[in-house]
PDB file of N, CA and C in Angstrom:
ATOM      1  N   MET A   1     108.289  68.332  74.346  1.00  0.00           N
ATOM      2  CA  MET A   1     109.942  68.364  74.620  1.00  0.00           C
ATOM      3  C   MET A   1     110.036  68.585  76.063  1.00  0.00           C
ATOM      4  N   LEU A   2     110.205  67.657  77.231  1.00  0.00           N
ATOM      5  CA  LEU A   2     111.216  67.639  77.946  1.00  0.00           C
ATOM      6  C   LEU A   2     112.291  68.418  77.871  1.00  0.00           C
ATOM      7  N   VAL A   3     112.459  69.686  78.849  1.00  0.00           N
ATOM      8  CA  VAL A   3     114.081  70.182  78.948  1.00  0.00           C
ATOM      9  C   VAL A   3     114.322  70.170  80.464  1.00  0.00           C
ATOM     10  N   LEU A   4     115.544  69.439  80.837  1.00  0.00           N
ATOM     11  CA  LEU A   4     116.054  69.379  81.991  1.00  0.00           C
ATOM     12  C   LEU A   4     117.661  69.965  82.069  1.00  0.00           C
ATOM     13  N   ALA A   5     117.703  70.514  83.381  1.00  0.00           N
ATOM     14  CA  ALA A   5     118.983  71.103  83.641  1.00  0.00           C
ATOM     15  C   ALA A   5     120.257  69.760  84.363  1.00  0.00           C
ATOM     16  N   ARG A   6     121.023  69.690  84.081  1.00  0.00           N
ATOM     17  CA  ARG A   6     121.397  68.773  84.706  1.00  0.00           C
ATOM     18  C   ARG A   6     123.206  69.281  84.799  1.00  0.00           C
ATOM     19  N   LYS A   7     124.091  68.896  85.753  1.00  0.00           N
ATOM     20  CA  LYS A   7     125.211  69.377  85.735  1.00  0.00           C
ATOM     21  C   LYS A   7     126.174  68.228  85.897  1.00  0.00           C
ATOM     22  N   LEU A   8     127.277  68.716  85.853  1.00  0.00           N
ATOM     23  CA  LEU A   8     128.431  67.218  85.745  1.00  0.00           C
ATOM     24  C   LEU A   8     128.262  65.957  86.566  1.00  0.00           C
ATOM     25  N   HIS A   9     128.362  64.889  86.089  1.00  0.00           N
ATOM     26  CA  HIS A   9     127.957  63.595  87.190  1.00  0.00           C
ATOM     27  C   HIS A   9     126.812  63.623  87.849  1.00  0.00           C
ATOM     28  N   GLU A  10     125.392  64.464  87.115  1.00  0.00           N
ATOM     29  CA  GLU A  10     124.195  64.036  87.449  1.00  0.00           C
ATOM     30  C   GLU A  10     123.699  63.563  86.238  1.00  0.00           C
ATOM     31  N   SER A  11     122.260  62.535  86.719  1.00  0.00           N
ATOM     32  CA  SER A  11     121.863  61.900  85.497  1.00  0.00           C
ATOM     33  C   SER A  11     120.480  62.065  85.258  1.00  0.00           C
ATOM     34  N   ILE A  12     119.466  61.469  84.400  1.00  0.00           N
ATOM     35  CA  ILE A  12     118.402  61.249  84.198  1.00  0.00           C
ATOM     36  C   ILE A  12     117.767  59.842  83.832  1.00  0.00           C
ATOM     37  N   ARG A  13     116.532  59.440  84.430  1.00  0.00           N
ATOM     38  CA  ARG A  13     116.265  58.090  84.191  1.00  0.00           C
ATOM     39  C   ARG A  13     114.982  57.976  83.272  1.00  0.00           C
ATOM     40  N   ILE A  14     114.873  57.283  82.120  1.00  0.00           N
ATOM     41  CA  ILE A  14     113.849  56.846  81.210  1.00  0.00           C
ATOM     42  C   ILE A  14     113.686  56.011  81.589  1.00  0.00           C
ATOM     43  N   GLY A  15     112.257  56.067  82.198  1.00  0.00           N
ATOM     44  CA  GLY A  15     111.620  54.857  82.577  1.00  0.00           C
ATOM     45  C   GLY A  15     112.391  54.168  83.680  1.00  0.00           C
ATOM     46  N   ASP A  16     112.207  52.642  83.645  1.00  0.00           N
ATOM     47  CA  ASP A  16     113.161  51.850  84.770  1.00  0.00           C
ATOM     48  C   ASP A  16     114.571  51.370  84.117  1.00  0.00           C
ATOM     49  N   GLU A  17     114.779  51.715  82.987  1.00  0.00           N
ATOM     50  CA  GLU A  17     115.689  50.694  82.338  1.00  0.00           C
ATOM     51  C   GLU A  17     116.958  51.771  81.694  1.00  0.00           C
ATOM     52  N   ILE A  18     116.421  52.753  81.347  1.00  0.00           N
ATOM     53  CA  ILE A  18     117.577  53.875  80.887  1.00  0.00           C
ATOM     54  C   ILE A  18     118.043  54.915  81.616  1.00  0.00           C
ATOM     55  N   GLU A  19     119.519  55.646  81.815  1.00  0.00           N
ATOM     56  CA  GLU A  19     119.630  56.194  82.516  1.00  0.00           C
ATOM     57  C   GLU A  19     121.019  56.759  81.678  1.00  0.00           C
ATOM     58  N   VAL A  20     120.670  58.111  81.501  1.00  0.00           N
ATOM     59  CA  VAL A  20     121.781  59.421  80.843  1.00  0.00           C
ATOM     60  C   VAL A  20     122.181  60.279  82.037  1.00  0.00           C
ATOM     61  N   SER A  21     123.641  60.216  81.795  1.00  0.00           N
ATOM     62  CA  SER A  21     124.570  61.069  82.520  1.00  0.00           C
ATOM     63  C   SER A  21     125.433  62.023  82.054  1.00  0.00           C
ATOM     64  N   VAL A  22     125.577  62.984  82.416  1.00  0.00           N
ATOM     65  CA  VAL A  22     126.564  64.007  81.895  1.00  0.00           C
ATOM     66  C   VAL A  22     128.002  63.689  82.543  1.00  0.00           C
ATOM     67  N   VAL A  23     128.753  63.086  81.476  1.00  0.00           N
ATOM     68  CA  VAL A  23     129.707  62.412  81.621  1.00  0.00           C
ATOM     69  C   VAL A  23     131.290  63.918  81.794  1.00  0.00           C
ATOM     70  N   GLU A  24     130.748  64.871  80.527  1.00  0.00           N
ATOM     71  CA  GLU A  24     132.037  65.648  80.741  1.00  0.00           C
ATOM     72  C   GLU A  24     131.490  66.939  80.032  1.00  0.00           C
ATOM     73  N   ILE A  25     131.794  68.223  80.468  1.00  0.00           N
ATOM     74  CA  ILE A  25     131.686  69.595  79.815  1.00  0.00           C
ATOM     75  C   ILE A  25     132.930  70.106  79.309  1.00  0.00           C
ATOM     76  N   LYS A  26     133.124  70.764  78.063  1.00  0.00           N
ATOM     77  CA  LYS A  26     134.373  71.276  77.564  1.00  0.00           C
ATOM     78  C   LYS A  26     133.986  72.252  76.753  1.00  0.00           C
ATOM     79  N   GLY A  27     133.561  73.549  77.275  1.00  0.00           N
ATOM     80  CA  GLY A  27     132.973  74.476  76.332  1.00  0.00           C
ATOM     81  C   GLY A  27     131.531  74.351  76.128  1.00  0.00           C
ATOM     82  N   ASP A  28     131.568  74.446  74.487  1.00  0.00           N
ATOM     83  CA  ASP A  28     130.127  73.994  74.037  1.00  0.00           C
ATOM     84  C   ASP A  28     129.658  72.792  73.845  1.00  0.00           C
ATOM     85  N   GLN A  29     130.568  71.431  74.252  1.00  0.00           N
ATOM     86  CA  GLN A  29     130.055  70.399  74.148  1.00  0.00           C
ATOM     87  C   GLN A  29     130.014  69.609  75.416  1.00  0.00           C
ATOM     88  N   VAL A  30     128.953  69.073  75.507  1.00  0.00           N
ATOM     89  CA  VAL A  30     128.786  68.142  76.575  1.00  0.00           C
ATOM     90  C   VAL A  30     128.825  66.867  76.155  1.00  0.00           C
ATOM     91  N   LYS A  31     129.100  65.822  77.013  1.00  0.00           N
ATOM     92  CA  LYS A  31     129.310  64.526  76.436  1.00  0.00           C
ATOM     93  C   LYS A  31     128.765  63.658  77.409  1.00  0.00           C
ATOM     94  N   LEU A  32     127.550  63.123  76.920  1.00  0.00           N
ATOM     95  CA  LEU A  32     126.647  61.920  77.695  1.00  0.00           C
ATOM     96  C   LEU A  32     127.027  60.416  77.574  1.00  0.00           C
ATOM     97  N   GLY A  33     126.638  59.988  78.763  1.00  0.00           N
ATOM     98  CA  GLY A  33     127.056  58.593  78.849  1.00  0.00           C
ATOM     99  C   GLY A  33     125.238  58.217  79.179  1.00  0.00           C
ATOM    100  N   ILE A  34     125.160  56.960  78.477  1.00  0.00           N
ATOM    101  CA  ILE A  34     123.753  56.058  78.354  1.00  0.00           C
ATOM    102  C   ILE A  34     124.059  54.918  78.467  1.00  0.00           C
ATOM    103  N   LYS A  35     123.030  54.242  79.994  1.00  0.00           N
ATOM    104  CA  LYS A  35     123.205  53.067  80.225  1.00  0.00           C
ATOM    105  C   LYS A  35     121.743  52.442  79.871  1.00  0.00           C
ATOM    106  N   ALA A  36     121.875  51.303  79.106  1.00  0.00           N
ATOM    107  CA  ALA A  36     120.358  50.948  78.382  1.00  0.00           C
ATOM    108  C   ALA A  36     120.856  49.540  78.085  1.00  0.00           C
ATOM    109  N   PRO A  37     119.787  48.651  78.110  1.00  0.00           N
ATOM    110  CA  PRO A  37     119.437  47.280  77.805  1.00  0.00           C
ATOM    111  C   PRO A  37     120.202  47.091  76.196  1.00  0.00           C
ATOM    112  N   SER A  38     120.715  46.091  76.262  1.00  0.00           N
ATOM    113  CA  SER A  38     121.009  45.917  74.241  1.00  0.00           C
ATOM    114  C   SER A  38     120.137  45.624  73.819  1.00  0.00           C
ATOM    115  N   ARG A  39     119.136  45.314  74.229  1.00  0.00           N
ATOM    116  CA  ARG A  39     117.805  45.674  73.335  1.00  0.00           C
ATOM    117  C   ARG A  39     117.262  46.592  72.818  1.00  0.00           C
ATOM    118  N   ILE A  40     117.647  47.907  73.184  1.00  0.00           N
ATOM    119  CA  ILE A  40     117.329  48.996  73.108  1.00  0.00           C
ATOM    120  C   ILE A  40     118.491  49.511  72.231  1.00  0.00           C
ATOM    121  N   THR A  41     118.452  49.779  70.989  1.00  0.00           N
ATOM    122  CA  THR A  41     119.217  50.603  70.279  1.00  0.00           C
ATOM    123  C   THR A  41     119.559  52.470  70.728  1.00  0.00           C
ATOM    124  N   VAL A  42     120.847  52.823  70.646  1.00  0.00           N
ATOM    125  CA  VAL A  42     120.713  53.971  70.855  1.00  0.00           C
ATOM    126  C   VAL A  42     121.909  54.463  69.657  1.00  0.00           C
ATOM    127  N   HIS A  43     121.553  55.677  68.888  1.00  0.00           N
ATOM    128  CA  HIS A  43     122.108  56.093  68.120  1.00  0.00           C
ATOM    129  C   HIS A  43     121.978  57.664  67.843  1.00  0.00           C
ATOM    130  N   ARG A  44     123.516  58.268  67.435  1.00  0.00           N
ATOM    131  CA  ARG A  44     123.055  59.887  67.172  1.00  0.00           C
ATOM    132  C   ARG A  44     122.158  59.843  66.337  1.00  0.00           C
ATOM    133  N   GLN A  45     121.844  61.049  66.055  1.00  0.00           N
ATOM    134  CA  GLN A  45     120.444  61.413  65.381  1.00  0.00           C
ATOM    135  C   GLN A  45     120.916  61.600  63.954  1.00  0.00           C
ATOM    136  N   GLU A  46     121.935  62.011  63.551  1.00  0.00           N
ATOM    137  CA  GLU A  46     122.406  61.683  62.285  1.00  0.00           C
ATOM    138  C   GLU A  46     122.685  60.440  61.772  1.00  0.00           C
ATOM    139  N   VAL A  47     122.953  59.449  62.704  1.00  0.00           N
ATOM    140  CA  VAL A  47     123.518  57.977  62.020  1.00  0.00           C
ATOM    141  C   VAL A  47     121.728  57.335  62.222  1.00  0.00           C
ATOM    142  N   TYR A  48     120.954  57.673  63.040  1.00  0.00           N
ATOM    143  CA  TYR A  48     119.343  57.458  63.040  1.00  0.00           C
ATOM    144  C   TYR A  48     118.784  57.712  61.697  1.00  0.00           C
ATOM    145  N   ASP A  49     118.779  58.927  61.336  1.00  0.00           N
ATOM    146  CA  ASP A  49     118.484  59.527  59.888  1.00  0.00           C
ATOM    147  C   ASP A  49     119.018  59.057  58.900  1.00  0.00           C
ATOM    148  N   ALA A  50     120.033  58.673  58.632  1.00  0.00           N
ATOM    149  CA  ALA A  50     120.758  58.072  57.803  1.00  0.00           C
ATOM    150  C   ALA A  50     120.192  56.283  57.445  1.00  0.00           C
ATOM    151  N   ILE A  51     120.409  55.949  58.487  1.00  0.00           N
ATOM    152  CA  ILE A  51     119.477  54.515  58.690  1.00  0.00           C
ATOM    153  C   ILE A  51     118.368  54.389  58.013  1.00  0.00           C
ATOM    154  N   GLN A  52     117.747  55.305  58.735  1.00  0.00           N
ATOM    155  CA  GLN A  52     115.900  55.665  58.005  1.00  0.00           C
ATOM    156  C   GLN A  52     115.886  55.527  56.801  1.00  0.00           C
ATOM    157  N   ARG A  53     116.676  56.467  56.124  1.00  0.00           N
ATOM    158  CA  ARG A  53     117.141  57.141  54.411  1.00  0.00           C
ATOM    159  C   ARG A  53     117.394  55.472  53.700  1.00  0.00           C
ATOM    160  N   GLU A  54     118.289  54.783  54.500  1.00  0.00           N
ATOM    161  CA  GLU A  54     118.677  53.834  53.884  1.00  0.00           C
ATOM    162  C   GLU A  54     117.725  52.352  54.078  1.00  0.00           C
ATOM    163  N   ASN A  55     116.884  52.227  55.119  1.00  0.00           N
ATOM    164  CA  ASN A  55     115.637  51.103  54.901  1.00  0.00           C
ATOM    165  C   ASN A  55     114.585  51.914  54.049  1.00  0.00           C
ATOM    166  N   VAL A  56     114.402  53.117  53.593  1.00  0.00           N
ATOM    167  CA  VAL A  56     113.616  53.534  52.729  1.00  0.00           C
ATOM    168  C   VAL A  56     113.653  52.915  51.310  1.00  0.00           C
ATOM    169  N   SER A  57     115.096  53.365  50.975  1.00  0.00           N
ATOM    170  CA  SER A  57     115.738  53.149  49.765  1.00  0.00           C
ATOM    171  C   SER A  57     115.413  51.767  49.220  1.00  0.00           C
ATOM    172  N   ALA A  58     115.969  51.075  50.604  1.00  0.00           N
ATOM    173  CA  ALA A  58     116.023  49.574  50.420  1.00  0.00           C
ATOM    174  C   ALA A  58     114.866  48.988  49.826  1.00  0.00           C
ATOM    175  N   ALA A  59     113.748  49.266  50.724  1.00  0.00           N
ATOM    176  CA  ALA A  59     111.916  49.308  50.239  1.00  0.00           C
ATOM    177  C   ALA A  59     111.586  49.220  48.991  1.00  0.00           C
ATOM    178  N   ASP A  60     112.289  50.320  48.716  1.00  0.00           N
ATOM    179  CA  ASP A  60     111.791  51.379  47.198  1.00  0.00           C
ATOM    180  C   ASP A  60     112.282  50.365  46.173  1.00  0.00           C
ATOM    181  N   THR A  61     112.286  49.151  46.404  1.00  0.00           N
ATOM    182  CA  THR A  61     113.000  48.128  45.054  1.00  0.00           C
ATOM    183  C   THR A  61     111.805  48.017  43.710  1.00  0.00           C
ATOM    184  N   GLU A  62     112.128  48.507  42.443  1.00  0.00           N
ATOM    185  CA  GLU A  62     111.383  48.161  41.374  1.00  0.00           C
ATOM    186  C   GLU A  62     111.056  46.510  41.285  1.00  0.00           C
ATOM    187  N   PRO A  63     109.610  46.389  41.304  1.00  0.00           N
ATOM    188  CA  PRO A  63     109.071  44.754  40.795  1.00  0.00           C
ATOM    189  C   PRO A  63     109.571  44.511  40.110  1.00  0.00           C
ATOM    190  N   SER A  64     110.079  44.900  38.625  1.00  0.00           N
ATOM    191  CA  SER A  64     110.767  44.484  37.527  1.00  0.00           C
ATOM    192  C   SER A  64     112.083  43.973  38.086  1.00  0.00           C
ATOM    193  N   ARG A  65     112.979  44.385  39.243  1.00  0.00           N
ATOM    194  CA  ARG A  65     114.376  43.720  39.667  1.00  0.00           C
ATOM    195  C   ARG A  65     114.089  42.285  40.093  1.00  0.00           C
ATOM    196  N   VAL A  66     112.722  42.030  40.792  1.00  0.00           N
ATOM    197  CA  VAL A  66     112.573  40.957  41.603  1.00  0.00           C
ATOM    198  C   VAL A  66     113.076  39.577  41.160  1.00  0.00           C
ATOM    199  N   PRO A  67     112.831  39.219  39.547  1.00  0.00           N
ATOM    200  CA  PRO A  67     112.920  37.997  39.091  1.00  0.00           C
ATOM    201  C   PRO A  67     114.350  37.963  38.899  1.00  0.00           C
ATOM    202  N   SER A  68     115.515  39.112  38.998  1.00  0.00           N
ATOM    203  CA  SER A  68     117.069  38.721  38.972  1.00  0.00           C
ATOM    204  C   SER A  68     117.330  38.328  40.049  1.00  0.00           C
ATOM    205  N   LEU A  69     116.222  38.273  41.150  1.00  0.00           N
ATOM    206  CA  LEU A  69     117.022  37.601  42.372  1.00  0.00           C
ATOM    207  C   LEU A  69     116.732  36.135  42.509  1.00  0.00           C
ATOM    208  N   GLU A  70     116.016  35.413  41.722  1.00  0.00           N
ATOM    209  CA  GLU A  70     116.064  34.016  41.640  1.00  0.00           C
ATOM    210  C   GLU A  70     117.330  33.183  41.766  1.00  0.00           C
ATOM    211  N   GLY A  71     118.109  33.579  41.227  1.00  0.00           N
ATOM    212  CA  GLY A  71     119.733  32.924  41.028  1.00  0.00           C
ATOM    213  C   GLY A  71     120.346  33.216  42.537  1.00  0.00           C
ATOM    214  N   ILE A  72     119.915  34.158  43.282  1.00  0.00           N
ATOM    215  CA  ILE A  72     120.721  34.292  44.271  1.00  0.00           C
ATOM    216  C   ILE A  72     120.310  33.622  45.575  1.00  0.00           C
ATOM    217  N   MET A  73     118.808  34.009  45.640  1.00  0.00           N
ATOM    218  CA  MET A  73     117.927  33.505  46.656  1.00  0.00           C
ATOM    219  C   MET A  73     117.520  31.981  46.479  1.00  0.00           C
ATOM    220  N   PRO A  74     117.563  31.204  48.157  1.00  0.00           N
ATOM    221  CA  PRO A  74     117.537  29.960  47.612  1.00  0.00           C
ATOM    222  C   PRO A  74     115.814  29.656  47.337  1.00  0.00           C
ATOM    223  N   PRO A  75     115.224  28.318  46.616  1.00  0.00           N
ATOM    224  CA  PRO A  75     114.154  28.155  46.671  1.00  0.00           C
ATOM    225  C   PRO A  75     113.463  28.428  47.645  1.00  0.00           C
ATOM    226  N   ARG A  76     112.119  28.553  47.511  1.00  0.00           N
ATOM    227  CA  ARG A  76     111.037  28.896  48.412  1.00  0.00           C
ATOM    228  C   ARG A  76     110.958  27.103  48.916  1.00  0.00           C
ATOM    229  N   GLN A  77     110.608  27.070  50.495  1.00  0.00           N
ATOM    230  CA  GLN A  77     110.507  25.699  50.644  1.00  0.00           C
ATOM    231  C   GLN A  77     108.750  25.583  51.003  1.00  0.00           C
ATOM    232  N   PRO A  78     108.197  24.856  50.762  1.00  0.00           N
ATOM    233  CA  PRO A  78     106.479  24.610  51.017  1.00  0.00           C
ATOM    234  C   PRO A  78     106.047  24.831  52.128  1.00  0.00           C
TER     235      PRO A  78
END
């Protein structure tokens, strides 16, 4: 892990497309601004973890439940 010290209104760059700036410092809280292309998703860690758990849960479908989807899904085209 790279650890950098930054002051208010200073930035770091990640590659050519991502900039992380210190926007505000209040007590023990630091607010960061992140500029990145829209194709790059940016999430707080706890949100990212929740998305990963949901993806694993969605992929863990019991094969016995698949036939019940036949009435919901349109027929497969050849």
